Protein backbone atom coordinates (compact mmCIF):
# COMPACT_ATOMS: atom_id res chain seq x y z
CA UNK A 1 3.48 -14.29 -0.24
CA UNK A 2 7.32 -14.75 -0.25
CA UNK A 3 10.02 -11.83 0.37
CA UNK A 4 8.89 -8.91 -1.96
CA UNK A 5 9.89 -5.01 -1.78
CA UNK A 6 7.48 -2.42 -2.99
CA UNK A 7 8.55 1.30 -3.52
CA UNK A 8 5.55 3.81 -3.29
CA UNK A 9 5.34 6.42 -5.91
CA UNK A 10 3.11 9.45 -6.74
CA UNK A 11 2.62 10.19 -10.22
CA UNK A 12 2.80 13.91 -9.39
CA UNK A 13 6.05 13.34 -8.07
CA UNK A 14 7.87 10.25 -8.92
CA UNK A 15 11.07 11.27 -9.11
CA UNK A 16 11.88 11.86 -5.61
CA UNK A 17 11.85 7.98 -5.42
CA UNK A 18 14.16 7.52 -8.38
CA UNK A 19 17.37 7.26 -6.28
CA UNK A 20 15.89 4.95 -3.67
CA UNK A 21 14.49 2.60 -6.63
CA UNK A 22 18.08 2.79 -8.10
CA UNK A 23 19.78 1.84 -5.09
CA UNK A 24 17.26 -1.01 -4.07
CA UNK A 25 17.55 -2.68 -7.44
CA UNK A 26 21.15 -3.13 -7.09
CA UNK A 27 20.18 -5.96 -4.40
CA UNK A 28 16.61 -6.67 -5.04
CA UNK A 29 13.73 -6.94 -7.79
CA UNK A 30 11.57 -4.02 -7.02
CA UNK A 31 7.94 -3.52 -7.45
CA UNK A 32 6.42 -0.26 -7.68
CA UNK A 33 2.88 1.03 -6.40
CA UNK A 34 1.75 3.88 -7.89
CA UNK A 35 -1.95 3.60 -6.80
CA UNK A 36 -1.81 2.43 -3.27
CA UNK A 37 -0.25 5.46 -1.58
CA UNK A 38 -3.29 6.95 0.39
CA UNK A 39 -3.36 5.53 3.95
CA UNK A 40 -6.47 3.86 3.77
CA UNK A 41 -5.35 2.05 0.79
CA UNK A 42 -2.36 1.05 2.49
CA UNK A 43 -4.48 -0.56 5.26
CA UNK A 44 -6.53 -2.36 2.90
CA UNK A 45 -3.77 -3.91 0.71
CA UNK A 46 -1.08 -4.65 3.39
CA UNK A 47 -2.58 -4.46 6.69
CA UNK A 48 -3.17 -8.16 6.81
CA UNK A 49 0.30 -9.07 5.53
CA UNK A 50 3.51 -9.81 7.39
CA UNK A 51 5.17 -6.55 6.80
CA UNK A 52 7.18 -3.66 7.89
CA UNK A 53 6.81 -0.20 6.02
CA UNK A 54 10.06 2.17 5.79
CA UNK A 55 10.19 5.77 5.48
CA UNK A 56 11.83 9.11 6.93
CA UNK A 57 10.75 10.88 10.07
CA UNK A 58 12.54 14.08 10.65
CA UNK A 59 15.53 12.98 8.36
CA UNK A 60 15.80 9.78 9.77
CA UNK A 61 15.19 6.37 8.24
CA UNK A 62 12.35 4.34 10.52
CA UNK A 63 10.59 1.16 10.30
CA UNK A 64 6.86 0.96 11.25
CA UNK A 65 3.49 -1.00 10.78
CA UNK A 66 0.58 -0.07 9.12
CA UNK A 67 -1.22 1.86 12.19
CA UNK A 68 1.58 4.74 11.54
CA UNK A 69 0.94 5.29 7.93
CA UNK A 70 -1.24 8.03 9.03
CA UNK A 71 1.31 9.98 10.74
CA UNK A 72 4.41 8.73 8.47
CA UNK A 73 4.48 8.67 4.65
CA UNK A 74 5.79 5.42 3.78
CA UNK A 75 8.49 4.98 1.06
CA UNK A 76 8.67 1.46 0.51
CA UNK A 77 7.35 -2.05 2.31
CA UNK A 78 8.85 -5.16 2.81
CA UNK A 79 6.33 -8.27 3.21
CA UNK A 80 7.07 -12.00 3.92
CA UNK A 81 4.76 -15.05 3.77
CA UNK A 82 6.00 -15.98 7.30
CA UNK A 83 6.38 -14.16 10.43
CA UNK A 84 10.01 -12.61 11.60
CA UNK A 85 11.67 -12.20 14.64
CA UNK A 86 12.59 -8.81 15.98
CA UNK A 87 16.17 -9.52 15.54
CA UNK A 88 15.43 -10.28 11.81
CA UNK A 89 13.28 -7.19 11.39
CA UNK A 90 16.26 -5.28 12.91
CA UNK A 91 18.99 -6.75 10.80
CA UNK A 92 16.89 -5.83 7.81
CA UNK A 93 16.31 -2.16 8.75
CA UNK A 94 20.24 -2.01 9.43
CA UNK A 95 20.84 -3.16 5.87
CA UNK A 96 18.33 -0.52 4.45
CA UNK A 97 19.78 2.20 6.64
CA UNK A 98 23.26 1.29 5.72
CA UNK A 99 22.49 1.05 2.05
CA UNK A 100 20.51 4.33 1.86
CA UNK A 101 23.45 5.99 3.88
CA UNK A 102 25.72 4.63 1.53
CA UNK A 103 27.81 3.05 4.30
CA UNK A 104 26.65 -0.87 3.38
CA UNK A 105 29.51 -3.55 3.82
CA UNK A 106 29.63 -6.96 3.19
CA UNK A 107 28.35 -7.77 6.24
CA UNK A 108 25.43 -6.13 6.23
CA UNK A 109 24.79 -7.55 2.89
CA UNK A 110 25.61 -11.45 4.32
CA UNK A 111 23.00 -10.95 6.87
CA UNK A 112 20.13 -10.05 4.49
CA UNK A 113 21.07 -12.77 2.19
CA UNK A 114 20.78 -15.29 5.04
CA UNK A 115 17.29 -13.80 5.93
CA UNK A 116 15.96 -13.59 2.37
CA UNK A 117 14.42 -16.84 0.79
CA UNK A 118 15.84 -16.89 -3.00
CA UNK A 119 12.75 -16.63 -5.08
CA UNK A 120 12.32 -16.91 -8.66
CA UNK A 121 10.28 -13.88 -9.00
CA UNK A 122 11.99 -11.80 -6.42
CA UNK A 123 15.64 -12.62 -5.75
CA UNK A 124 18.23 -11.09 -3.81
CA UNK A 125 20.62 -10.12 -6.64
CA UNK A 126 24.07 -10.95 -6.01
CA UNK A 127 26.71 -7.94 -4.87
CA UNK A 128 26.80 -5.09 -7.68
CA UNK A 129 30.80 -5.77 -7.81
CA UNK A 130 30.01 -9.54 -8.54
CA UNK A 131 29.54 -10.33 -12.33
CA UNK A 132 26.12 -11.78 -13.38
CA UNK A 133 25.76 -14.65 -15.89
CA UNK A 134 23.60 -13.43 -18.98
CA UNK A 135 20.37 -15.67 -19.45
CA UNK A 136 17.17 -15.33 -20.26
CA UNK A 137 14.17 -14.75 -17.52
CA UNK A 138 12.05 -17.90 -16.93
CA UNK A 139 9.41 -15.16 -15.34
CA UNK A 140 7.47 -11.88 -16.14
CA UNK A 141 9.27 -9.09 -14.77
CA UNK A 142 7.83 -5.44 -14.55
CA UNK A 143 9.76 -2.02 -14.31
CA UNK A 144 8.66 1.53 -14.47
CA UNK A 145 10.18 4.92 -14.51
CA UNK A 146 8.22 8.25 -14.52
CA UNK A 147 9.73 11.47 -16.02
CA UNK A 148 7.62 14.24 -14.14
CA UNK A 149 9.44 16.89 -15.86
CA UNK A 150 7.98 15.72 -19.36
CA UNK A 151 4.75 13.91 -17.90
CA UNK A 152 5.56 10.80 -19.26
CA UNK A 153 6.04 7.27 -18.10
CA UNK A 154 8.25 4.50 -19.22
CA UNK A 155 7.14 1.03 -18.77
CA UNK A 156 9.05 -2.20 -19.47
CA UNK A 157 7.74 -5.82 -19.36
CA UNK A 158 10.46 -8.66 -19.66
CA UNK A 159 8.63 -11.75 -21.06
CA UNK A 160 10.07 -15.23 -20.36
CA UNK A 161 12.37 -16.63 -22.80
CA UNK A 162 12.64 -13.69 -24.90
CA UNK A 163 16.05 -11.73 -25.38
CA UNK A 164 14.44 -8.12 -25.60
CA UNK A 165 11.77 -6.54 -23.27
CA UNK A 166 8.78 -4.69 -24.37
CA UNK A 167 8.84 -1.08 -23.44
CA UNK A 168 5.93 1.50 -23.70
CA UNK A 169 5.89 4.99 -23.22
CA UNK A 170 2.73 7.12 -21.89
CA UNK A 171 2.72 10.67 -22.60
CA UNK A 172 0.34 13.04 -20.61
CA UNK A 173 0.38 10.64 -17.59
CA UNK A 174 -0.97 12.95 -15.14
CA UNK A 175 -4.09 13.07 -17.52
CA UNK A 176 -4.20 9.54 -19.06
CA UNK A 177 -3.06 7.52 -16.15
CA UNK A 178 -1.77 4.04 -16.49
CA UNK A 179 -4.81 2.48 -18.39
CA UNK A 180 -2.86 2.62 -21.75
CA UNK A 181 -0.15 0.43 -20.68
CA UNK A 182 -2.58 -2.52 -20.72
CA UNK A 183 -3.74 -2.00 -24.36
CA UNK A 184 -0.64 -0.46 -25.85
CA UNK A 185 1.23 -3.63 -25.91
CA UNK A 186 -0.90 -5.26 -28.37
CA UNK A 187 0.27 -3.16 -31.17
CA UNK A 188 3.16 -5.72 -31.17
CA UNK A 189 2.26 -8.92 -33.08
CA UNK A 190 4.38 -11.00 -30.46
CA UNK A 191 2.25 -9.92 -27.58
CA UNK A 192 -0.90 -11.33 -26.45
CA UNK A 193 0.39 -14.83 -26.56
CA UNK A 194 0.85 -17.49 -23.98
CA UNK A 195 0.39 -16.33 -20.50
CA UNK A 196 0.73 -12.58 -21.54
CA UNK A 197 -3.10 -11.64 -20.84
CA UNK A 198 -2.96 -13.38 -17.32
CA UNK A 199 0.22 -11.57 -16.51
CA UNK A 200 -1.56 -8.34 -17.41
CA UNK A 201 -4.50 -9.24 -15.08
CA UNK A 202 -2.14 -9.80 -12.30
CA UNK A 203 -0.08 -6.65 -12.94
CA UNK A 204 -3.42 -4.50 -13.00
CA UNK A 205 -4.22 -5.97 -9.53
CA UNK A 206 -0.49 -5.60 -8.52
CA UNK A 207 -0.88 -1.51 -9.14
CA UNK A 208 -3.94 -1.27 -7.42
CA UNK A 209 -6.13 -0.42 -10.67
CA UNK A 210 -9.10 -2.36 -9.26
CA UNK A 211 -9.78 0.18 -6.75
CA UNK A 212 -9.77 3.09 -9.41
CA UNK A 213 -10.67 1.44 -12.45
CA UNK A 214 -12.51 -2.10 -11.44
CA UNK A 215 -11.89 -5.50 -12.67
CA UNK A 216 -9.90 -5.71 -15.75
CA UNK A 217 -11.82 -6.24 -19.21
CA UNK A 218 -8.90 -6.55 -21.71
CA UNK A 219 -11.44 -6.89 -24.57
CA UNK A 220 -12.93 -3.44 -23.66
CA UNK A 221 -9.84 -1.83 -22.99
CA UNK A 222 -8.48 -2.83 -26.34
CA UNK A 223 -12.13 -1.40 -27.93
CA UNK A 224 -11.48 1.48 -26.02
CA UNK A 225 -7.85 2.58 -27.15
CA UNK A 226 -8.73 1.82 -30.76
CA UNK A 227 -11.80 4.18 -30.61
CA UNK A 228 -9.57 6.91 -29.04
CA UNK A 229 -6.65 6.53 -31.87
CA UNK A 230 -9.66 6.89 -34.38
CA UNK A 231 -12.66 8.73 -33.28
CA UNK A 232 -15.60 9.72 -35.37
CA UNK A 233 -15.27 13.39 -34.08
CA UNK A 234 -12.63 15.01 -32.24
CA UNK A 235 -8.85 14.90 -32.25
CA UNK A 236 -7.45 11.12 -32.57
CA UNK A 237 -5.18 9.86 -29.58
CA UNK A 238 -1.64 9.21 -30.76
CA UNK A 239 -0.61 5.56 -31.59
CA UNK A 240 0.81 3.44 -29.01
CA UNK A 241 4.47 3.54 -28.47
CA UNK A 242 6.27 0.10 -27.76
CA UNK A 243 9.67 -1.02 -28.36
CA UNK A 244 12.02 -3.61 -28.17
CA UNK A 245 14.47 -2.59 -25.98
CA UNK A 246 15.16 -1.48 -22.28
CA UNK A 247 13.98 1.79 -20.58
CA UNK A 248 17.33 2.83 -20.39
CA UNK A 249 18.43 1.99 -24.32
CA UNK A 250 15.11 3.68 -25.28
CA UNK A 251 16.16 7.08 -23.31
CA UNK A 252 19.55 6.85 -24.93
CA UNK A 253 17.85 6.44 -28.28
CA UNK A 254 15.65 9.41 -27.79
CA UNK A 255 18.54 11.71 -26.34
CA UNK A 256 20.23 11.14 -29.28
CA UNK A 257 17.72 11.62 -31.72
CA UNK A 258 17.05 15.24 -29.82
CA UNK A 259 20.32 16.03 -30.20
CA UNK A 260 20.67 15.41 -33.98
CA UNK A 261 17.39 17.29 -34.22
CA UNK A 262 18.93 19.92 -32.29
CA UNK A 263 22.01 19.70 -34.71
CA UNK A 264 19.78 19.98 -37.94
CA UNK A 265 17.88 23.05 -36.58
CA UNK A 266 21.27 24.76 -35.86
CA UNK A 267 22.93 23.98 -39.18
CA UNK A 268 19.76 25.62 -40.75
CA UNK A 269 19.90 28.61 -38.69
CA UNK A 270 23.87 28.92 -39.59
CA UNK A 271 23.06 28.53 -43.21
CA UNK A 272 20.14 30.98 -43.29
CA UNK A 273 22.42 33.66 -41.61
CA UNK A 274 24.76 33.15 -44.53
CA UNK A 275 22.47 33.51 -47.09
CA UNK A 276 21.45 36.83 -45.57
CA UNK A 277 24.78 38.31 -44.89
């Protein structure tokens, strides 16, 4: 496996990782693991890899191996496909420490840029101050944000050679979990072509769904989702929400919609009060 950076989140309190993810995404493609957060799962998934975990102990960022996950909660992990020297790991640690302490300068960026192999799926991005050329991605990319306050998750997939991503919302996330992500996308007729199904199978494994739900059976997941939306008895589940825009664009749209709704209610209240005067 080439260089990869994975942030660990917890569906019950994921917002505490938001600042961390946003900082790291200025430089890296960031994977999210919301499933393999228990020590036993961390050891099973990452124990045999070339890795270092990163987390805070007594307020200080530390770097450690898998044997320490029982004592220190890891916040993210870096993995490589080849072994790295102590100096290389030290330079990487200094990069993250200065980045998270908001003291990063070009010297640290240059050191890590030389260390990390440029990969098509997980690049070290150019410095935030450097303009990037607009171009279509050539690989599937996955991004997610959890809104713990409203118990909902935003999940974005960028499909190769498309100008607009697919973003779906899962409401009541604590109760429903991540399963709807793998069936909701098919409500859009442009999803399900080419390597879409294969990507979802790989994403299923990457998110650790095998450990909680077994091997992905897409046909069965779609069938179950349809039945939940139109049950013979009981309350139907809401239709899947899939949008062709980024997470940030969708959140802005939702904010504006809520703002307009509030304005309409306020106007009705004012008119009603005038009528009663």
